[in-house]
PDB file of N, CA and C in Angstrom:
ATOM      1  N   MET A   1      77.181 232.978  80.077  1.00  0.00           N
ATOM      2  CA  MET A   1      77.146 231.734  80.825  1.00  0.00           C
ATOM      3  C   MET A   1      76.381 231.996  82.124  1.00  0.00           C
ATOM      4  N   SER A   2      75.451 231.150  82.433  1.00  0.00           N
ATOM      5  CA  SER A   2      74.652 231.339  83.638  1.00  0.00           C
ATOM      6  C   SER A   2      75.414 230.862  84.874  1.00  0.00           C
ATOM      7  N   PHE A   3      74.872 231.223  86.031  1.00  0.00           N
ATOM      8  CA  PHE A   3      75.502 230.851  87.299  1.00  0.00           C
ATOM      9  C   PHE A   3      75.557 229.339  87.466  1.00  0.00           C
ATOM     10  N   ASP A   4      74.471 228.654  87.122  1.00  0.00           N
ATOM     11  CA  ASP A   4      74.444 227.191  87.254  1.00  0.00           C
ATOM     12  C   ASP A   4      75.444 226.520  86.335  1.00  0.00           C
ATOM     13  N   ALA A   5      75.614 227.056  85.141  1.00  0.00           N
ATOM     14  CA  ALA A   5      76.572 226.481  84.209  1.00  0.00           C
ATOM     15  C   ALA A   5      78.000 226.672  84.714  1.00  0.00           C
ATOM     16  N   GLU A   6      78.278 227.847  85.298  1.00  0.00           N
ATOM     17  CA  GLU A   6      79.613 228.090  85.843  1.00  0.00           C
ATOM     18  C   GLU A   6      79.903 227.153  87.014  1.00  0.00           C
ATOM     19  N   ARG A   7      78.905 226.976  87.869  1.00  0.00           N
ATOM     20  CA  ARG A   7      79.084 226.084  89.014  1.00  0.00           C
ATOM     21  C   ARG A   7      79.297 224.645  88.566  1.00  0.00           C
ATOM     22  N   ALA A   8      78.557 224.214  87.567  1.00  0.00           N
ATOM     23  CA  ALA A   8      78.726 222.856  87.043  1.00  0.00           C
ATOM     24  C   ALA A   8      80.109 222.686  86.426  1.00  0.00           C
ATOM     25  N   GLN A   9      80.589 223.726  85.747  1.00  0.00           N
ATOM     26  CA  GLN A   9      81.917 223.643  85.136  1.00  0.00           C
ATOM     27  C   GLN A   9      83.004 223.582  86.207  1.00  0.00           C
ATOM     28  N   ARG A  10      82.865 224.371  87.297  1.00  0.00           N
ATOM     29  CA  ARG A  10      83.841 224.326  88.385  1.00  0.00           C
ATOM     30  C   ARG A  10      83.862 222.965  89.052  1.00  0.00           C
ATOM     31  N   GLU A  11      82.686 222.395  89.306  1.00  0.00           N
ATOM     32  CA  GLU A  11      82.617 221.079  89.940  1.00  0.00           C
ATOM     33  C   GLU A  11      83.192 220.010  89.036  1.00  0.00           C
ATOM     34  N   ALA A  12      82.972 220.142  87.747  1.00  0.00           N
ATOM     35  CA  ALA A  12      83.517 219.161  86.812  1.00  0.00           C
ATOM     36  C   ALA A  12      85.034 219.279  86.707  1.00  0.00           C
ATOM     37  N   SER A  13      85.563 220.483  86.913  1.00  0.00           N
ATOM     38  CA  SER A  13      87.007 220.674  86.785  1.00  0.00           C
ATOM     39  C   SER A  13      87.779 220.244  88.020  1.00  0.00           C
ATOM     40  N   GLY A  14      87.086 219.861  89.078  1.00  0.00           N
ATOM     41  CA  GLY A  14      87.783 219.360  90.253  1.00  0.00           C
ATOM     42  C   GLY A  14      88.014 220.390  91.327  1.00  0.00           C
ATOM     43  N   SER A  15      87.205 221.436  91.384  1.00  0.00           N
ATOM     44  CA  SER A  15      87.412 222.461  92.404  1.00  0.00           C
ATOM     45  C   SER A  15      87.023 221.970  93.796  1.00  0.00           C
ATOM     46  N   ARG A  16      86.374 220.809  93.891  1.00  0.00           N
ATOM     47  CA  ARG A  16      85.993 220.261  95.193  1.00  0.00           C
ATOM     48  C   ARG A  16      87.083 219.380  95.781  1.00  0.00           C
ATOM     49  N   ARG A  17      88.156 219.170  95.054  1.00  0.00           N
ATOM     50  CA  ARG A  17      89.226 218.298  95.531  1.00  0.00           C
ATOM     51  C   ARG A  17      89.837 218.780  96.851  1.00  0.00           C
ATOM     52  N   PRO A  18      90.134 220.065  97.060  1.00  0.00           N
ATOM     53  CA  PRO A  18      90.678 220.486  98.362  1.00  0.00           C
ATOM     54  C   PRO A  18      89.698 220.250  99.511  1.00  0.00           C
ATOM     55  N   VAL A  19      88.416 220.392  99.253  1.00  0.00           N
ATOM     56  CA  VAL A  19      87.423 220.146 100.298  1.00  0.00           C
ATOM     57  C   VAL A  19      87.460 218.686 100.714  1.00  0.00           C
ATOM     58  N   ARG A  20      87.606 217.802  99.762  1.00  0.00           N
ATOM     59  CA  ARG A  20      87.702 216.377 100.080  1.00  0.00           C
ATOM     60  C   ARG A  20      88.911 216.096 100.957  1.00  0.00           C
ATOM     61  N   TRP A  21      90.034 216.719 100.640  1.00  0.00           N
ATOM     62  CA  TRP A  21      91.243 216.494 101.449  1.00  0.00           C
ATOM     63  C   TRP A  21      91.068 217.021 102.858  1.00  0.00           C
ATOM     64  N   VAL A  22      90.402 218.157 102.995  1.00  0.00           N
ATOM     65  CA  VAL A  22      90.192 218.745 104.323  1.00  0.00           C
ATOM     66  C   VAL A  22      89.357 217.816 105.194  1.00  0.00           C
ATOM     67  N   PHE A  23      88.367 217.171 104.611  1.00  0.00           N
ATOM     68  CA  PHE A  23      87.528 216.244 105.371  1.00  0.00           C
ATOM     69  C   PHE A  23      88.157 214.860 105.488  1.00  0.00           C
ATOM     70  N   ALA A  24      88.810 214.404 104.434  1.00  0.00           N
ATOM     71  CA  ALA A  24      89.298 213.027 104.389  1.00  0.00           C
ATOM     72  C   ALA A  24      90.527 212.804 105.265  1.00  0.00           C
ATOM     73  N   LEU A  25      91.410 213.759 105.353  1.00  0.00           N
ATOM     74  CA  LEU A  25      92.645 213.545 106.103  1.00  0.00           C
ATOM     75  C   LEU A  25      92.397 213.314 107.596  1.00  0.00           C
ATOM     76  N   PRO A  26      91.633 214.169 108.296  1.00  0.00           N
ATOM     77  CA  PRO A  26      91.383 213.871 109.714  1.00  0.00           C
ATOM     78  C   PRO A  26      90.580 212.592 109.914  1.00  0.00           C
ATOM     79  N   LEU A  27      89.639 212.339 109.006  1.00  0.00           N
ATOM     80  CA  LEU A  27      88.840 211.127 109.124  1.00  0.00           C
ATOM     81  C   LEU A  27      89.694 209.885 108.888  1.00  0.00           C
ATOM     82  N   ALA A  28      90.619 209.954 107.960  1.00  0.00           N
ATOM     83  CA  ALA A  28      91.526 208.830 107.724  1.00  0.00           C
ATOM     84  C   ALA A  28      92.443 208.607 108.923  1.00  0.00           C
ATOM     85  N   LEU A  29      92.865 209.664 109.583  1.00  0.00           N
ATOM     86  CA  LEU A  29      93.689 209.515 110.781  1.00  0.00           C
ATOM     87  C   LEU A  29      92.905 208.856 111.913  1.00  0.00           C
ATOM     88  N   VAL A  30      91.641 209.215 112.060  1.00  0.00           N
ATOM     89  CA  VAL A  30      90.794 208.567 113.071  1.00  0.00           C
ATOM     90  C   VAL A  30      90.656 207.091 112.755  1.00  0.00           C
ATOM     91  N   HIS A  31      90.443 206.756 111.476  1.00  0.00           N
ATOM     92  CA  HIS A  31      90.306 205.351 111.088  1.00  0.00           C
ATOM     93  C   HIS A  31      91.617 204.585 111.276  1.00  0.00           C
ATOM     94  N   ALA A  32      92.745 205.225 111.005  1.00  0.00           N
ATOM     95  CA  ALA A  32      94.033 204.557 111.180  1.00  0.00           C
ATOM     96  C   ALA A  32      94.303 204.262 112.657  1.00  0.00           C
ATOM     97  N   LEU A  33      94.041 205.217 113.525  1.00  0.00           N
ATOM     98  CA  LEU A  33      94.203 204.990 114.962  1.00  0.00           C
ATOM     99  C   LEU A  33      93.253 203.901 115.444  1.00  0.00           C
ATOM    100  N   ASN A  34      92.041 203.909 114.926  1.00  0.00           N
ATOM    101  CA  ASN A  34      91.063 202.889 115.261  1.00  0.00           C
ATOM    102  C   ASN A  34      91.557 201.514 114.819  1.00  0.00           C
ATOM    103  N   ALA A  35      92.127 201.429 113.636  1.00  0.00           N
ATOM    104  CA  ALA A  35      92.638 200.150 113.141  1.00  0.00           C
ATOM    105  C   ALA A  35      93.797 199.640 113.998  1.00  0.00           C
ATOM    106  N   VAL A  36      94.649 200.534 114.465  1.00  0.00           N
ATOM    107  CA  VAL A  36      95.755 200.127 115.343  1.00  0.00           C
ATOM    108  C   VAL A  36      95.212 199.557 116.650  1.00  0.00           C
ATOM    109  N   LEU A  37      94.203 200.214 117.202  1.00  0.00           N
ATOM    110  CA  LEU A  37      93.612 199.718 118.447  1.00  0.00           C
ATOM    111  C   LEU A  37      92.925 198.372 118.255  1.00  0.00           C
ATOM    112  N   VAL A  38      92.236 198.199 117.153  1.00  0.00           N
ATOM    113  CA  VAL A  38      91.586 196.902 116.876  1.00  0.00           C
ATOM    114  C   VAL A  38      92.644 195.820 116.695  1.00  0.00           C
ATOM    115  N   TYR A  39      93.709 196.139 115.995  1.00  0.00           N
ATOM    116  CA  TYR A  39      94.794 195.175 115.823  1.00  0.00           C
ATOM    117  C   TYR A  39      95.386 194.780 117.175  1.00  0.00           C
ATOM    118  N   ALA A  40      95.607 195.768 118.033  1.00  0.00           N
ATOM    119  CA  ALA A  40      96.158 195.483 119.364  1.00  0.00           C
ATOM    120  C   ALA A  40      95.200 194.635 120.181  1.00  0.00           C
ATOM    121  N   ALA A  41      93.913 194.908 120.082  1.00  0.00           N
ATOM    122  CA  ALA A  41      92.932 194.149 120.853  1.00  0.00           C
ATOM    123  C   ALA A  41      92.817 192.714 120.360  1.00  0.00           C
ATOM    124  N   VAL A  42      92.930 192.516 119.071  1.00  0.00           N
ATOM    125  CA  VAL A  42      92.750 191.168 118.522  1.00  0.00           C
ATOM    126  C   VAL A  42      94.008 190.323 118.674  1.00  0.00           C
ATOM    127  N   PHE A  43      95.164 190.877 118.407  1.00  0.00           N
ATOM    128  CA  PHE A  43      96.382 190.069 118.365  1.00  0.00           C
ATOM    129  C   PHE A  43      97.234 190.139 119.626  1.00  0.00           C
ATOM    130  N   ASN A  44      96.959 191.049 120.524  1.00  0.00           N
ATOM    131  CA  ASN A  44      97.742 191.153 121.757  1.00  0.00           C
ATOM    132  C   ASN A  44      96.836 191.012 122.964  1.00  0.00           C
ATOM    133  N   GLY A  45      96.141 189.930 123.042  1.00  0.00           N
ATOM    134  CA  GLY A  45      95.222 189.699 124.145  1.00  0.00           C
ATOM    135  C   GLY A  45      95.937 189.151 125.362  1.00  0.00           C
ATOM    136  N   PRO A  46      95.173 188.740 126.339  1.00  0.00           N
ATOM    137  CA  PRO A  46      95.762 188.176 127.556  1.00  0.00           C
ATOM    138  C   PRO A  46      96.464 186.847 127.278  1.00  0.00           C
ATOM    139  N   GLN A  47      97.495 186.556 128.080  1.00  0.00           N
ATOM    140  CA  GLN A  47      98.270 185.340 127.902  1.00  0.00           C
ATOM    141  C   GLN A  47      97.536 184.106 128.416  1.00  0.00           C
ATOM    142  N   ALA A  48      96.848 184.264 129.530  1.00  0.00           N
ATOM    143  CA  ALA A  48      96.127 183.140 130.139  1.00  0.00           C
ATOM    144  C   ALA A  48      95.076 183.709 131.087  1.00  0.00           C
ATOM    145  N   ALA A  49      94.427 182.814 131.831  1.00  0.00           N
ATOM    146  CA  ALA A  49      93.363 183.249 132.739  1.00  0.00           C
ATOM    147  C   ALA A  49      93.895 184.130 133.868  1.00  0.00           C
ATOM    148  N   TRP A  50      95.165 183.997 134.216  1.00  0.00           N
ATOM    149  CA  TRP A  50      95.743 184.766 135.306  1.00  0.00           C
ATOM    150  C   TRP A  50      96.152 186.170 134.885  1.00  0.00           C
ATOM    151  N   ASP A  51      96.149 186.482 133.602  1.00  0.00           N
ATOM    152  CA  ASP A  51      96.657 187.758 133.084  1.00  0.00           C
ATOM    153  C   ASP A  51      95.579 188.846 133.143  1.00  0.00           C
ATOM    154  N   HIS A  52      95.388 189.404 134.322  1.00  0.00           N
ATOM    155  CA  HIS A  52      94.355 190.426 134.498  1.00  0.00           C
ATOM    156  C   HIS A  52      94.704 191.718 133.763  1.00  0.00           C
ATOM    157  N   GLN A  53      95.982 192.045 133.705  1.00  0.00           N
ATOM    158  CA  GLN A  53      96.380 193.243 132.972  1.00  0.00           C
ATOM    159  C   GLN A  53      96.117 193.082 131.477  1.00  0.00           C
ATOM    160  N   GLY A  54      96.291 191.886 130.971  1.00  0.00           N
ATOM    161  CA  GLY A  54      95.990 191.631 129.562  1.00  0.00           C
ATOM    162  C   GLY A  54      94.513 191.813 129.266  1.00  0.00           C
ATOM    163  N   TYR A  55      93.656 191.321 130.162  1.00  0.00           N
ATOM    164  CA  TYR A  55      92.216 191.505 129.994  1.00  0.00           C
ATOM    165  C   TYR A  55      91.839 192.986 130.055  1.00  0.00           C
ATOM    166  N   GLU A  56      92.414 193.700 131.018  1.00  0.00           N
ATOM    167  CA  GLU A  56      92.106 195.119 131.155  1.00  0.00           C
ATOM    168  C   GLU A  56      92.626 195.932 129.974  1.00  0.00           C
ATOM    169  N   GLY A  57      93.807 195.593 129.494  1.00  0.00           N
ATOM    170  CA  GLY A  57      94.360 196.291 128.327  1.00  0.00           C
ATOM    171  C   GLY A  57      93.543 196.048 127.069  1.00  0.00           C
ATOM    172  N   THR A  58      93.106 194.807 126.887  1.00  0.00           N
ATOM    173  CA  THR A  58      92.277 194.497 125.730  1.00  0.00           C
ATOM    174  C   THR A  58      90.934 195.205 125.830  1.00  0.00           C
ATOM    175  N   ALA A  59      90.344 195.216 127.014  1.00  0.00           N
ATOM    176  CA  ALA A  59      89.063 195.905 127.197  1.00  0.00           C
ATOM    177  C   ALA A  59      89.216 197.408 126.958  1.00  0.00           C
ATOM    178  N   ALA A  60      90.327 197.989 127.393  1.00  0.00           N
ATOM    179  CA  ALA A  60      90.554 199.418 127.167  1.00  0.00           C
ATOM    180  C   ALA A  60      90.726 199.712 125.675  1.00  0.00           C
ATOM    181  N   ALA A  61      91.479 198.857 124.963  1.00  0.00           N
ATOM    182  CA  ALA A  61      91.655 199.054 123.526  1.00  0.00           C
ATOM    183  C   ALA A  61      90.324 198.941 122.788  1.00  0.00           C
ATOM    184  N   VAL A  62      89.494 197.989 123.202  1.00  0.00           N
ATOM    185  CA  VAL A  62      88.185 197.827 122.565  1.00  0.00           C
ATOM    186  C   VAL A  62      87.295 199.033 122.861  1.00  0.00           C
ATOM    187  N   PHE A  63      87.307 199.516 124.103  1.00  0.00           N
ATOM    188  CA  PHE A  63      86.505 200.683 124.452  1.00  0.00           C
ATOM    189  C   PHE A  63      86.913 201.899 123.624  1.00  0.00           C
ATOM    190  N   LEU A  64      88.215 202.152 123.529  1.00  0.00           N
ATOM    191  CA  LEU A  64      88.688 203.279 122.730  1.00  0.00           C
ATOM    192  C   LEU A  64      88.356 203.089 121.252  1.00  0.00           C
ATOM    193  N   SER A  65      88.447 201.855 120.783  1.00  0.00           N
ATOM    194  CA  SER A  65      88.104 201.577 119.388  1.00  0.00           C
ATOM    195  C   SER A  65      86.629 201.837 119.118  1.00  0.00           C
ATOM    196  N   LEU A  66      85.771 201.428 120.036  1.00  0.00           N
ATOM    197  CA  LEU A  66      84.338 201.690 119.857  1.00  0.00           C
ATOM    198  C   LEU A  66      84.044 203.190 119.901  1.00  0.00           C
ATOM    199  N   CYS A  67      84.750 203.922 120.751  1.00  0.00           N
ATOM    200  CA  CYS A  67      84.582 205.380 120.798  1.00  0.00           C
ATOM    201  C   CYS A  67      85.033 206.027 119.489  1.00  0.00           C
ATOM    202  N   LEU A  68      86.158 205.570 118.947  1.00  0.00           N
ATOM    203  CA  LEU A  68      86.633 206.108 117.676  1.00  0.00           C
ATOM    204  C   LEU A  68      85.715 205.720 116.523  1.00  0.00           C
ATOM    205  N   SER A  69      85.134 204.532 116.579  1.00  0.00           N
ATOM    206  CA  SER A  69      84.172 204.137 115.554  1.00  0.00           C
ATOM    207  C   SER A  69      82.954 205.043 115.586  1.00  0.00           C
ATOM    208  N   LEU A  70      82.467 205.323 116.773  1.00  0.00           N
ATOM    209  CA  LEU A  70      81.329 206.223 116.909  1.00  0.00           C
ATOM    210  C   LEU A  70      81.688 207.624 116.414  1.00  0.00           C
ATOM    211  N   LEU A  71      82.872 208.092 116.750  1.00  0.00           N
ATOM    212  CA  LEU A  71      83.323 209.397 116.279  1.00  0.00           C
ATOM    213  C   LEU A  71      83.399 209.424 114.756  1.00  0.00           C
ATOM    214  N   GLY A  72      83.927 208.367 114.161  1.00  0.00           N
ATOM    215  CA  GLY A  72      84.021 208.298 112.702  1.00  0.00           C
ATOM    216  C   GLY A  72      82.661 208.310 112.031  1.00  0.00           C
ATOM    217  N   VAL A  73      81.695 207.602 112.604  1.00  0.00           N
ATOM    218  CA  VAL A  73      80.342 207.599 112.042  1.00  0.00           C
ATOM    219  C   VAL A  73      79.703 208.973 112.177  1.00  0.00           C
ATOM    220  N   VAL A  74      79.882 209.604 113.328  1.00  0.00           N
ATOM    221  CA  VAL A  74      79.285 210.931 113.548  1.00  0.00           C
ATOM    222  C   VAL A  74      79.893 211.955 112.592  1.00  0.00           C
ATOM    223  N   ILE A  75      81.208 211.933 112.419  1.00  0.00           N
ATOM    224  CA  ILE A  75      81.850 212.870 111.500  1.00  0.00           C
ATOM    225  C   ILE A  75      81.379 212.621 110.072  1.00  0.00           C
ATOM    226  N   THR A  76      81.304 211.373 109.677  1.00  0.00           N
ATOM    227  CA  THR A  76      80.870 211.049 108.318  1.00  0.00           C
ATOM    228  C   THR A  76      79.402 211.389 108.107  1.00  0.00           C
ATOM    229  N   PHE A  77      78.606 211.358 109.167  1.00  0.00           N
ATOM    230  CA  PHE A  77      77.183 211.642 109.056  1.00  0.00           C
ATOM    231  C   PHE A  77      76.895 213.131 108.845  1.00  0.00           C
ATOM    232  N   LEU A  78      77.846 214.010 109.145  1.00  0.00           N
ATOM    233  CA  LEU A  78      77.640 215.440 108.924  1.00  0.00           C
ATOM    234  C   LEU A  78      77.397 215.701 107.441  1.00  0.00           C
ATOM    235  N   PRO A  79      76.393 216.508 107.108  1.00  0.00           N
ATOM    236  CA  PRO A  79      76.036 216.705 105.696  1.00  0.00           C
ATOM    237  C   PRO A  79      77.170 217.180 104.786  1.00  0.00           C
ATOM    238  N   PRO A  80      78.006 218.166 105.179  1.00  0.00           N
ATOM    239  CA  PRO A  80      79.074 218.565 104.255  1.00  0.00           C
ATOM    240  C   PRO A  80      80.081 217.438 103.993  1.00  0.00           C
ATOM    241  N   VAL A  81      80.381 216.674 105.021  1.00  0.00           N
ATOM    242  CA  VAL A  81      81.333 215.570 104.865  1.00  0.00           C
ATOM    243  C   VAL A  81      80.725 214.479 103.994  1.00  0.00           C
ATOM    244  N   ARG A  82      79.467 214.169 104.243  1.00  0.00           N
ATOM    245  CA  ARG A  82      78.797 213.121 103.472  1.00  0.00           C
ATOM    246  C   ARG A  82      78.703 213.503 101.998  1.00  0.00           C
ATOM    247  N   ARG A  83      78.430 214.787 101.713  1.00  0.00           N
ATOM    248  CA  ARG A  83      78.349 215.229 100.315  1.00  0.00           C
ATOM    249  C   ARG A  83      79.721 215.204  99.646  1.00  0.00           C
ATOM    250  N   ALA A  84      80.759 215.607 100.369  1.00  0.00           N
ATOM    251  CA  ALA A  84      82.088 215.702  99.763  1.00  0.00           C
ATOM    252  C   ALA A  84      82.747 214.337  99.594  1.00  0.00           C
ATOM    253  N   LEU A  85      82.548 213.428 100.556  1.00  0.00           N
ATOM    254  CA  LEU A  85      83.275 212.165 100.534  1.00  0.00           C
ATOM    255  C   LEU A  85      82.453 210.992 100.019  1.00  0.00           C
ATOM    256  N   GLY A  86      81.180 210.982 100.295  1.00  0.00           N
ATOM    257  CA  GLY A  86      80.344 209.883  99.842  1.00  0.00           C
ATOM    258  C   GLY A  86      80.053 208.896 100.955  1.00  0.00           C
ATOM    259  N   PRO A  87      79.114 208.021 100.700  1.00  0.00           N
ATOM    260  CA  PRO A  87      78.657 207.111 101.757  1.00  0.00           C
ATOM    261  C   PRO A  87      79.618 205.965 102.075  1.00  0.00           C
ATOM    262  N   TRP A  88      80.561 205.655 101.215  1.00  0.00           N
ATOM    263  CA  TRP A  88      81.442 204.517 101.488  1.00  0.00           C
ATOM    264  C   TRP A  88      82.365 204.781 102.673  1.00  0.00           C
ATOM    265  N   TRP A  89      82.476 206.031 103.127  1.00  0.00           N
ATOM    266  CA  TRP A  89      83.293 206.341 104.299  1.00  0.00           C
ATOM    267  C   TRP A  89      82.641 205.863 105.588  1.00  0.00           C
ATOM    268  N   PHE A  90      81.405 205.376 105.518  1.00  0.00           N
ATOM    269  CA  PHE A  90      80.780 204.753 106.683  1.00  0.00           C
ATOM    270  C   PHE A  90      81.339 203.353 106.932  1.00  0.00           C
ATOM    271  N   ALA A  91      81.915 202.729 105.917  1.00  0.00           N
ATOM    272  CA  ALA A  91      82.367 201.336 106.030  1.00  0.00           C
ATOM    273  C   ALA A  91      83.494 201.132 107.050  1.00  0.00           C
ATOM    274  N   PRO A  92      84.584 201.899 107.028  1.00  0.00           N
ATOM    275  CA  PRO A  92      85.674 201.611 107.976  1.00  0.00           C
ATOM    276  C   PRO A  92      85.269 201.665 109.446  1.00  0.00           C
ATOM    277  N   PRO A  93      84.555 202.700 109.904  1.00  0.00           N
ATOM    278  CA  PRO A  93      84.221 202.682 111.335  1.00  0.00           C
ATOM    279  C   PRO A  93      83.237 201.578 111.692  1.00  0.00           C
ATOM    280  N   LEU A  94      82.342 201.248 110.773  1.00  0.00           N
ATOM    281  CA  LEU A  94      81.387 200.179 111.067  1.00  0.00           C
ATOM    282  C   LEU A  94      82.077 198.820 111.135  1.00  0.00           C
ATOM    283  N   VAL A  95      82.958 198.542 110.190  1.00  0.00           N
ATOM    284  CA  VAL A  95      83.669 197.261 110.184  1.00  0.00           C
ATOM    285  C   VAL A  95      84.576 197.142 111.409  1.00  0.00           C
ATOM    286  N   LEU A  96      85.324 198.196 111.704  1.00  0.00           N
ATOM    287  CA  LEU A  96      86.219 198.158 112.860  1.00  0.00           C
ATOM    288  C   LEU A  96      85.434 198.072 114.161  1.00  0.00           C
ATOM    289  N   GLY A  97      84.299 198.746 114.230  1.00  0.00           N
ATOM    290  CA  GLY A  97      83.460 198.659 115.414  1.00  0.00           C
ATOM    291  C   GLY A  97      82.901 197.265 115.630  1.00  0.00           C
ATOM    292  N   VAL A  98      82.505 196.611 114.547  1.00  0.00           N
ATOM    293  CA  VAL A  98      81.987 195.237 114.663  1.00  0.00           C
ATOM    294  C   VAL A  98      83.093 194.290 115.109  1.00  0.00           C
ATOM    295  N   ILE A  99      84.282 194.443 114.556  1.00  0.00           N
ATOM    296  CA  ILE A  99      85.400 193.583 114.964  1.00  0.00           C
ATOM    297  C   ILE A  99      85.711 193.793 116.442  1.00  0.00           C
ATOM    298  N   ALA A 100      85.729 195.046 116.890  1.00  0.00           N
ATOM    299  CA  ALA A 100      86.005 195.330 118.300  1.00  0.00           C
ATOM    300  C   ALA A 100      84.912 194.754 119.191  1.00  0.00           C
ATOM    301  N   TRP A 101      83.664 194.866 118.774  1.00  0.00           N
ATOM    302  CA  TRP A 101      82.557 194.337 119.565  1.00  0.00           C
ATOM    303  C   TRP A 101      82.640 192.821 119.666  1.00  0.00           C
ATOM    304  N   VAL A 102      82.964 192.161 118.582  1.00  0.00           N
ATOM    305  CA  VAL A 102      83.105 190.702 118.607  1.00  0.00           C
ATOM    306  C   VAL A 102      84.265 190.311 119.517  1.00  0.00           C
ATOM    307  N   ARG A 103      85.337 191.076 119.486  1.00  0.00           N
ATOM    308  CA  ARG A 103      86.489 190.769 120.338  1.00  0.00           C
ATOM    309  C   ARG A 103      86.146 190.874 121.819  1.00  0.00           C
ATOM    310  N   ILE A 104      85.421 191.907 122.196  1.00  0.00           N
ATOM    311  CA  ILE A 104      85.099 192.055 123.621  1.00  0.00           C
ATOM    312  C   ILE A 104      84.075 191.004 124.046  1.00  0.00           C
ATOM    313  N   GLU A 105      83.197 190.593 123.153  1.00  0.00           N
ATOM    314  CA  GLU A 105      82.218 189.565 123.497  1.00  0.00           C
ATOM    315  C   GLU A 105      82.857 188.185 123.610  1.00  0.00           C
ATOM    316  N   THR A 106      83.902 187.932 122.856  1.00  0.00           N
ATOM    317  CA  THR A 106      84.571 186.629 122.907  1.00  0.00           C
ATOM    318  C   THR A 106      85.761 186.617 123.852  1.00  0.00           C
ATOM    319  N   LEU A 107      85.993 187.702 124.560  1.00  0.00           N
ATOM    320  CA  LEU A 107      87.152 187.779 125.454  1.00  0.00           C
ATOM    321  C   LEU A 107      87.010 186.827 126.647  1.00  0.00           C
ATOM    322  N   GLY A 108      85.822 186.627 127.088  1.00  0.00           N
ATOM    323  CA  GLY A 108      85.597 185.651 128.158  1.00  0.00           C
ATOM    324  C   GLY A 108      85.564 186.275 129.459  1.00  0.00           C
TER     325      GLY A 108
END
């Protein structure tokens, strides 16, 4: 059996599964924290025009969410992560980043 055949057999048998978990678990935690911040920014906004703390809290949640979105894209863009997980892992940080950006633009 040649080296290429052995490597193909290992990949087919699922030997890359632990590598996926090593990359996917921290990335999923970043996305989960990002989703919590987006949820807080969207549903727990300021009470009225006088609520300056509400505006500042929402802006802080959006800022942290945008930072986590950027971190998620950068981590997913790394070649080993992209090869192990696939391109669909770009979707969560991009979607959450767009929602956060729309929230800060419509905050007033």
